[in-house]
Amino acid sequence: MAGHSHWAGIKHKKALVDNKRGKLWSKLSKAIIVAAKMGGKDLDTNIRLRTAINDAKAVSMPKDNIDRAVKKGTGELDGGNVEEILYEGYGPNGVAVMCDIMTDNRNRTAPEVRKLFEKHGGKLGSTNCVSYLFERKGLIIVDAAKADEEQLMDIALEAGADDVRSEGEKFEIHCEPENFTAVCEAIEKAEIETEVREIARIPTNTVDLDAKGARKLFKLMEALDDHDDVQNVSANFNIPEEAMAEMEND
């Protein structure tokens, strides 16, 4: 199974817990601030802001919180000093790991992220050390039991998706970031439920991991994802069927 698909599923379940303790709202606020800061508050022209706000609404983030975040991003309120940074490094077994960061204090964030890498058998690297191994794409995951593959493919491709593929018990849809909103809206209009909808970094090649290696990598990725300033974690790994079966039997 493609590693990023498996991780996306884990992260989706984890987000439900994070939302209960307020961590997810904090991350979504930063995403809205940065989007508004970069492209303004017009949702018709700022697709990134529209996506961030839709994500916030999907987890019942209050309208007042969303409005405040937008105003911080546009400079109408204080607190918009949030910058976007990309950290790159290596996890266990030499797996490439990328972290999308949003922080108001990079001098605090950098050593904290470096420590997490080191604690879990990885190493923070230099700029561009692994980014060439990934493509930025829209990623949508649908439970195969809740959609007809042919119908889903027709809808997604007509809306601008690049590819629809079967990954175990899931359908995985890839698209260019600029087509992400249109593809999501088309699937939603067809009343097809999605499990994951995000702009992700999709690896162009992967490292096969056994069950032990996958567990180690997941511990690193979960620790990074738990950090308040980390918006997204990507890695170029694959879990062969035998290893996946071993993990599921634990």
Protein backbone atom coordinates (compact mmCIF):
# COMPACT_ATOMS: atom_id res chain seq x y z
CA MET A 1 0.00 0.00 0.00
CA ALA A 2 1.28 3.48 -0.83
CA GLY A 3 2.71 4.96 2.34
CA HIS A 4 1.19 8.39 1.98
CA SER A 5 -2.29 6.83 1.64
CA HIS A 6 -1.85 4.85 4.85
CA TRP A 7 -0.48 7.88 6.70
CA ALA A 8 -3.33 10.08 5.41
CA GLY A 9 -5.81 7.62 6.90
CA ILE A 10 -4.02 7.61 10.25
CA LYS A 11 -3.82 11.39 10.27
CA HIS A 12 -7.54 11.67 9.47
CA LYS A 13 -8.42 9.60 12.54
CA LYS A 14 -5.91 11.51 14.65
CA ALA A 15 -7.45 14.82 13.56
CA LEU A 16 -10.72 13.82 15.22
CA VAL A 17 -8.89 13.55 18.54
CA ASP A 18 -6.90 16.74 17.94
CA ASN A 19 -10.11 18.61 17.22
CA LYS A 20 -11.54 17.64 20.61
CA ARG A 21 -8.58 19.19 22.39
CA GLY A 22 -8.44 22.35 20.26
CA LYS A 23 -5.12 21.56 18.56
CA LEU A 24 -6.66 21.28 15.10
CA TRP A 25 -8.39 24.67 15.33
CA SER A 26 -5.06 26.27 16.18
CA LYS A 27 -3.41 24.75 13.10
CA LEU A 28 -6.32 25.71 10.86
CA SER A 29 -6.19 29.30 12.14
CA LYS A 30 -2.56 29.53 11.05
CA ALA A 31 -3.44 28.11 7.64
CA ILE A 32 -6.15 30.77 7.21
CA ILE A 33 -3.82 33.55 8.38
CA VAL A 34 -1.09 32.58 5.90
CA ALA A 35 -3.57 32.13 3.03
CA ALA A 36 -5.15 35.54 3.65
CA LYS A 37 -1.72 37.13 4.07
CA MET A 38 -0.52 35.76 0.73
CA GLY A 39 -3.64 36.22 -1.41
CA GLY A 40 -6.07 38.58 0.32
CA LYS A 41 -9.55 37.86 1.63
CA ASP A 42 -11.48 37.52 -1.64
CA LEU A 43 -12.58 33.88 -1.72
CA ASP A 44 -13.30 34.02 -5.46
CA THR A 45 -9.68 34.75 -6.30
CA ASN A 46 -7.91 33.18 -3.30
CA ILE A 47 -8.47 29.46 -3.76
CA ARG A 48 -6.05 28.61 -0.98
CA LEU A 49 -8.03 30.68 1.54
CA ARG A 50 -11.30 29.16 0.36
CA THR A 51 -9.88 25.67 0.89
CA ALA A 52 -8.54 26.57 4.36
CA ILE A 53 -11.90 28.00 5.42
CA ASN A 54 -13.77 24.97 4.07
CA ASP A 55 -11.43 22.73 6.09
CA ALA A 56 -12.17 24.80 9.18
CA LYS A 57 -15.92 24.65 8.65
CA ALA A 58 -15.70 20.87 8.16
CA VAL A 59 -14.53 20.48 11.77
CA SER A 60 -17.04 23.00 13.16
CA MET A 61 -14.58 25.82 13.78
CA PRO A 62 -16.69 28.85 14.88
CA LYS A 63 -17.28 31.60 12.34
CA ASP A 64 -15.83 34.20 14.74
CA ASN A 65 -12.55 32.26 14.90
CA ILE A 66 -12.41 32.06 11.11
CA ASP A 67 -13.15 35.76 10.68
CA ARG A 68 -10.46 36.71 13.22
CA ALA A 69 -7.90 34.56 11.45
CA VAL A 70 -8.72 36.18 8.10
CA LYS A 71 -8.39 39.67 9.61
CA LYS A 72 -5.04 38.76 11.18
CA GLY A 73 -3.84 37.63 7.79
CA THR A 74 -4.94 40.83 6.05
CA GLY A 75 -3.49 43.03 8.79
CA GLU A 76 -6.84 44.25 10.11
CA LEU A 77 -5.99 42.68 13.48
CA ASP A 78 -2.69 42.04 15.25
CA GLY A 79 -1.30 38.51 15.36
CA GLY A 80 -0.70 37.87 11.69
CA ASN A 81 3.06 37.44 11.99
CA VAL A 82 2.96 33.81 10.84
CA GLU A 83 5.38 32.60 8.17
CA GLU A 84 5.45 29.45 6.08
CA ILE A 85 8.60 27.31 6.09
CA LEU A 86 9.47 23.92 4.63
CA TYR A 87 11.72 21.61 6.68
CA GLU A 88 13.30 18.55 5.08
CA GLY A 89 15.09 15.59 6.55
CA TYR A 90 15.47 11.84 6.85
CA GLY A 91 13.62 9.34 8.98
CA PRO A 92 14.48 5.76 9.97
CA ASN A 93 15.70 3.57 7.06
CA GLY A 94 16.66 6.70 5.10
CA VAL A 95 13.07 7.63 4.29
CA ALA A 96 12.72 11.23 3.02
CA VAL A 97 10.52 13.37 5.28
CA MET A 98 9.09 16.81 4.60
CA CYS A 99 7.32 19.11 7.07
CA ASP A 100 5.14 22.06 6.11
CA ILE A 101 5.57 24.55 8.95
CA MET A 102 3.64 27.67 9.93
CA THR A 103 5.21 29.56 12.80
CA ASP A 104 5.43 32.97 14.42
CA ASN A 105 8.91 32.17 15.78
CA ARG A 106 11.26 30.11 13.61
CA ASN A 107 14.02 30.40 16.23
CA ARG A 108 11.80 28.36 18.55
CA THR A 109 10.42 25.95 15.97
CA ALA A 110 13.66 24.85 14.26
CA PRO A 111 15.41 23.36 17.32
CA GLU A 112 12.18 21.73 18.50
CA VAL A 113 11.64 20.01 15.15
CA ARG A 114 15.32 19.01 14.97
CA LYS A 115 15.02 17.40 18.40
CA LEU A 116 11.97 15.39 17.30
CA PHE A 117 13.83 14.05 14.27
CA GLU A 118 16.81 13.01 16.42
CA LYS A 119 14.67 11.46 19.15
CA HIS A 120 13.01 9.14 16.64
CA GLY A 121 16.05 8.02 14.68
CA GLY A 122 15.99 10.69 12.00
CA LYS A 123 17.91 13.80 11.05
CA LEU A 124 16.84 17.27 9.96
CA GLY A 125 18.51 18.08 6.63
CA SER A 126 19.35 21.12 4.55
CA THR A 127 17.08 22.98 2.13
CA ASN A 128 16.28 20.96 -1.03
CA CYS A 129 17.88 17.78 0.31
CA VAL A 130 14.73 15.69 -0.39
CA SER A 131 12.15 18.05 -1.94
CA TYR A 132 13.01 16.84 -5.45
CA LEU A 133 11.51 13.46 -4.49
CA PHE A 134 7.99 14.91 -4.13
CA GLU A 135 5.28 16.58 -6.21
CA ARG A 136 2.70 18.94 -4.70
CA LYS A 137 -0.75 17.55 -5.54
CA GLY A 138 -4.34 17.61 -4.40
CA LEU A 139 -5.11 14.31 -2.65
CA ILE A 140 -8.63 12.96 -2.09
CA ILE A 141 -9.29 9.53 -0.57
CA VAL A 142 -12.64 7.73 -0.77
CA ASP A 143 -13.67 4.47 0.90
CA ALA A 144 -14.10 1.95 -1.93
CA ALA A 145 -17.20 0.56 -0.24
CA LYS A 146 -18.93 3.94 -0.55
CA ALA A 147 -18.38 4.70 -4.24
CA ASP A 148 -18.56 3.09 -7.66
CA GLU A 149 -15.12 3.23 -9.26
CA GLU A 150 -16.33 4.02 -12.77
CA GLN A 151 -18.69 6.77 -11.56
CA LEU A 152 -16.02 8.27 -9.32
CA MET A 153 -13.48 8.23 -12.15
CA ASP A 154 -15.88 9.95 -14.56
CA ILE A 155 -16.74 12.67 -12.03
CA ALA A 156 -13.16 13.31 -10.89
CA LEU A 157 -11.55 13.34 -14.35
CA GLU A 158 -14.25 15.59 -15.78
CA ALA A 159 -13.67 18.04 -12.91
CA GLY A 160 -9.93 18.18 -13.62
CA ALA A 161 -8.33 15.28 -11.72
CA ASP A 162 -5.16 13.73 -13.15
CA ASP A 163 -5.66 10.21 -11.89
CA VAL A 164 -7.98 7.90 -9.95
CA ARG A 165 -6.45 4.70 -8.64
CA SER A 166 -7.42 1.82 -6.38
CA GLU A 167 -5.26 1.47 -3.26
CA GLY A 168 -6.44 -1.54 -1.27
CA GLU A 169 -9.87 -0.67 0.13
CA LYS A 170 -9.59 2.99 -0.89
CA PHE A 171 -9.79 5.06 -4.06
CA GLU A 172 -7.11 7.72 -4.32
CA ILE A 173 -7.58 10.80 -6.50
CA HIS A 174 -4.72 13.09 -7.52
CA CYS A 175 -5.05 16.51 -9.12
CA GLU A 176 -3.10 19.72 -9.62
CA PRO A 177 -3.49 22.11 -6.66
CA GLU A 178 -5.33 24.66 -8.80
CA ASN A 179 -7.98 22.03 -9.66
CA PHE A 180 -8.38 20.76 -6.09
CA THR A 181 -11.43 22.84 -5.15
CA ALA A 182 -13.28 22.00 -8.38
CA VAL A 183 -12.65 18.26 -7.94
CA CYS A 184 -13.75 18.34 -4.29
CA GLU A 185 -16.92 20.25 -5.18
CA ALA A 186 -17.80 17.82 -7.98
CA ILE A 187 -17.40 14.81 -5.68
CA GLU A 188 -19.39 16.54 -2.96
CA LYS A 189 -22.18 17.42 -5.43
CA ALA A 190 -22.40 13.71 -6.33
CA GLU A 191 -22.90 13.02 -2.59
CA ILE A 192 -19.80 10.83 -2.40
CA GLU A 193 -18.26 10.89 1.08
CA THR A 194 -14.52 11.56 1.30
CA GLU A 195 -12.17 10.48 4.08
CA VAL A 196 -9.23 12.75 3.24
CA ARG A 197 -9.05 16.01 1.27
CA GLU A 198 -5.77 17.89 1.32
CA ILE A 199 -2.99 19.47 -0.69
CA ALA A 200 -0.20 16.97 -0.13
CA ARG A 201 3.36 16.20 -1.20
CA ILE A 202 3.18 12.96 -3.18
CA PRO A 203 6.46 11.03 -3.51
CA THR A 204 7.71 10.23 -7.00
CA ASN A 205 9.49 7.11 -5.70
CA THR A 206 9.30 5.19 -2.44
CA VAL A 207 11.32 3.12 0.04
CA ASP A 208 9.79 -0.25 1.00
CA LEU A 209 9.53 -0.73 4.77
CA ASP A 210 8.98 -3.83 6.82
CA ALA A 211 6.56 -3.70 9.77
CA LYS A 212 9.29 -2.70 12.23
CA GLY A 213 10.55 0.11 10.02
CA ALA A 214 7.02 1.37 9.36
CA ARG A 215 6.28 1.51 13.10
CA LYS A 216 9.44 3.55 13.72
CA LEU A 217 8.61 5.95 10.92
CA PHE A 218 5.02 6.41 12.11
CA LYS A 219 6.28 7.33 15.58
CA LEU A 220 8.40 10.09 14.03
CA MET A 221 5.59 11.31 11.80
CA GLU A 222 3.07 11.32 14.65
CA ALA A 223 5.50 13.22 16.90
CA LEU A 224 6.04 15.82 14.17
CA ASP A 225 2.32 16.06 13.43
CA ASP A 226 1.66 16.67 17.15
CA HIS A 227 3.84 19.80 17.08
CA ASP A 228 1.68 22.93 17.04
CA ASP A 229 3.64 24.52 14.17
CA VAL A 230 3.64 21.50 11.85
CA GLN A 231 0.80 21.64 9.32
CA ASN A 232 1.58 18.56 7.28
CA VAL A 233 4.10 15.70 7.22
CA SER A 234 5.00 13.73 4.08
CA ALA A 235 7.36 10.80 3.54
CA ASN A 236 8.37 8.61 0.58
CA PHE A 237 7.65 5.13 1.91
CA ASN A 238 5.66 2.09 0.86
CA ILE A 239 4.36 -0.77 3.00
CA PRO A 240 4.31 -4.12 1.13
CA GLU A 241 1.28 -6.38 1.69
CA GLU A 242 3.13 -8.79 4.01
CA ALA A 243 4.29 -5.95 6.26
CA MET A 244 0.83 -4.38 6.25
CA ALA A 245 -0.72 -7.70 7.28
CA GLU A 246 1.80 -8.02 10.12
CA MET A 247 0.96 -4.52 11.38
CA GLU A 248 -2.78 -5.15 11.22
CA ASN A 249 -2.38 -8.39 13.22
CA ASP A 250 -0.59 -6.62 16.10
